Amino acid sequence: MAFREIDDDLWEIVREYLPPTKPHIGRPRCDPRGLFNGILYVLTTGCTWLDVPANYGTKSTVHRYHLELCEEGVYQAIFLDLLRSGYEIKKIDLSHCSTDTKAIPAKKGLDRL
């Protein structure tokens, strides 16, 4: 799958969810947009963190930023807002859902696998 960096309009939306940058001593922090694009690169291409292009930041910095966003609940907040807006504009309809049968225990089945 080809990777495209996040565009300006979408970045303005995503930026609202990101935690504020904390003042610190030492080297200046990397650009959050570049780091976010590095995360999207890994998720889109399926490569490892070792293969992140250097223009997005070092592999460890991009991975650390990803973990920070996970801990802060950024991905979950973005997902829930997308889901909510999908319901509002009637693009999501869960009235025809099915459940995986592996999640339903058998009446006389084993409790363990």
Protein backbone atom coordinates (compact mmCIF):
# COMPACT_ATOMS: atom_id res chain seq x y z
CA MET A 1 0.00 0.00 0.00
CA ALA A 2 1.37 3.41 -0.94
CA PHE A 3 1.94 5.85 1.89
CA ARG A 4 0.74 9.44 1.77
CA GLU A 5 1.61 11.92 4.49
CA ILE A 6 -1.19 13.57 6.41
CA ASP A 7 -2.47 16.70 4.63
CA ASP A 8 -2.86 20.15 6.19
CA ASP A 9 -6.63 19.93 6.74
CA LEU A 10 -6.47 16.57 8.49
CA TRP A 11 -3.43 17.66 10.50
CA GLU A 12 -5.39 20.59 11.94
CA ILE A 13 -8.01 18.13 13.19
CA VAL A 14 -5.52 15.61 14.58
CA ARG A 15 -3.42 18.30 16.28
CA GLU A 16 -6.33 19.13 18.60
CA TYR A 17 -6.07 15.64 20.13
CA LEU A 18 -2.33 15.68 20.77
CA PRO A 19 -1.05 16.31 24.28
CA PRO A 20 0.55 19.73 24.78
CA THR A 21 4.30 19.81 24.46
CA LYS A 22 6.05 20.12 27.78
CA PRO A 23 8.86 22.63 28.23
CA HIS A 24 12.17 20.88 28.68
CA ILE A 25 15.90 21.49 28.79
CA GLY A 26 18.19 20.15 26.11
CA ARG A 27 17.70 19.42 22.46
CA PRO A 28 14.54 20.80 20.87
CA ARG A 29 11.75 18.29 20.41
CA CYS A 30 11.03 16.81 17.01
CA ASP A 31 8.15 18.11 14.94
CA PRO A 32 4.95 16.35 16.11
CA ARG A 33 3.63 16.23 12.56
CA GLY A 34 6.74 14.43 11.35
CA LEU A 35 6.52 11.97 14.23
CA PHE A 36 2.83 11.34 13.53
CA ASN A 37 3.63 10.76 9.85
CA GLY A 38 6.31 8.29 10.96
CA ILE A 39 3.72 6.39 12.99
CA LEU A 40 1.32 6.39 10.04
CA TYR A 41 4.15 5.15 7.81
CA VAL A 42 4.68 2.10 10.03
CA LEU A 43 0.94 1.41 10.30
CA THR A 44 0.32 1.84 6.57
CA THR A 45 3.32 -0.02 5.15
CA GLY A 46 3.56 -2.71 7.81
CA CYS A 47 7.29 -2.15 8.25
CA THR A 48 9.07 -2.37 11.59
CA TRP A 49 10.08 0.63 13.67
CA LEU A 50 13.64 0.01 12.48
CA ASP A 51 12.59 0.89 8.92
CA VAL A 52 11.08 4.32 9.65
CA PRO A 53 12.58 6.85 7.21
CA ALA A 54 14.94 9.28 8.94
CA ASN A 55 13.00 12.35 7.76
CA TYR A 56 10.26 11.49 10.31
CA GLY A 57 12.70 11.22 13.21
CA THR A 58 14.76 8.44 14.67
CA LYS A 59 13.13 5.04 15.04
CA SER A 60 13.26 5.28 18.82
CA THR A 61 11.77 8.79 18.88
CA VAL A 62 8.89 7.85 16.59
CA HIS A 63 8.21 4.70 18.61
CA ARG A 64 8.39 6.59 21.92
CA TYR A 65 5.91 9.18 20.57
CA HIS A 66 3.59 6.35 19.50
CA LEU A 67 3.71 4.89 23.03
CA GLU A 68 3.05 8.33 24.50
CA LEU A 69 -0.03 8.76 22.30
CA CYS A 70 -1.23 5.30 23.36
CA GLU A 71 -0.81 6.12 27.06
CA GLU A 72 -2.56 9.47 26.67
CA GLY A 73 -5.54 7.81 24.94
CA VAL A 74 -5.14 9.91 21.79
CA TYR A 75 -5.94 7.10 19.36
CA GLN A 76 -9.03 6.09 21.31
CA ALA A 77 -10.28 9.69 21.43
CA ILE A 78 -9.82 10.10 17.68
CA PHE A 79 -11.57 6.78 17.00
CA LEU A 80 -14.53 7.57 19.26
CA ASP A 81 -15.03 11.00 17.70
CA LEU A 82 -14.86 9.51 14.19
CA LEU A 83 -17.39 6.89 15.23
CA ARG A 84 -19.67 9.51 16.77
CA SER A 85 -19.52 11.72 13.69
CA GLY A 86 -20.19 8.68 11.49
CA TYR A 87 -23.38 8.02 13.43
CA GLU A 88 -24.42 11.67 13.21
CA ILE A 89 -24.12 11.81 9.43
CA LYS A 90 -25.69 8.35 9.14
CA LYS A 91 -22.65 6.72 7.51
CA ILE A 92 -22.47 4.00 10.17
CA ASP A 93 -25.30 1.55 10.74
CA LEU A 94 -24.74 -1.29 13.18
CA SER A 95 -28.27 -2.68 12.95
CA HIS A 96 -26.99 -5.53 10.76
CA CYS A 97 -24.09 -6.82 12.86
CA SER A 98 -23.07 -10.37 13.58
CA THR A 99 -21.09 -11.88 16.41
CA ASP A 100 -18.20 -14.25 15.96
CA THR A 101 -19.35 -17.68 17.12
CA LYS A 102 -16.06 -18.25 18.92
CA ALA A 103 -17.20 -15.70 21.49
CA ILE A 104 -20.33 -17.73 22.32
CA PRO A 105 -19.72 -20.73 24.61
CA ALA A 106 -21.24 -24.09 23.69
CA LYS A 107 -24.09 -25.30 25.93
CA LYS A 108 -22.28 -28.49 26.91
CA GLY A 109 -18.83 -27.47 25.77
CA LEU A 110 -15.59 -27.28 27.64
CA ASP A 111 -14.72 -24.24 29.69
CA ARG A 112 -11.14 -24.42 28.53
CA LEU A 113 -9.32 -24.73 25.23
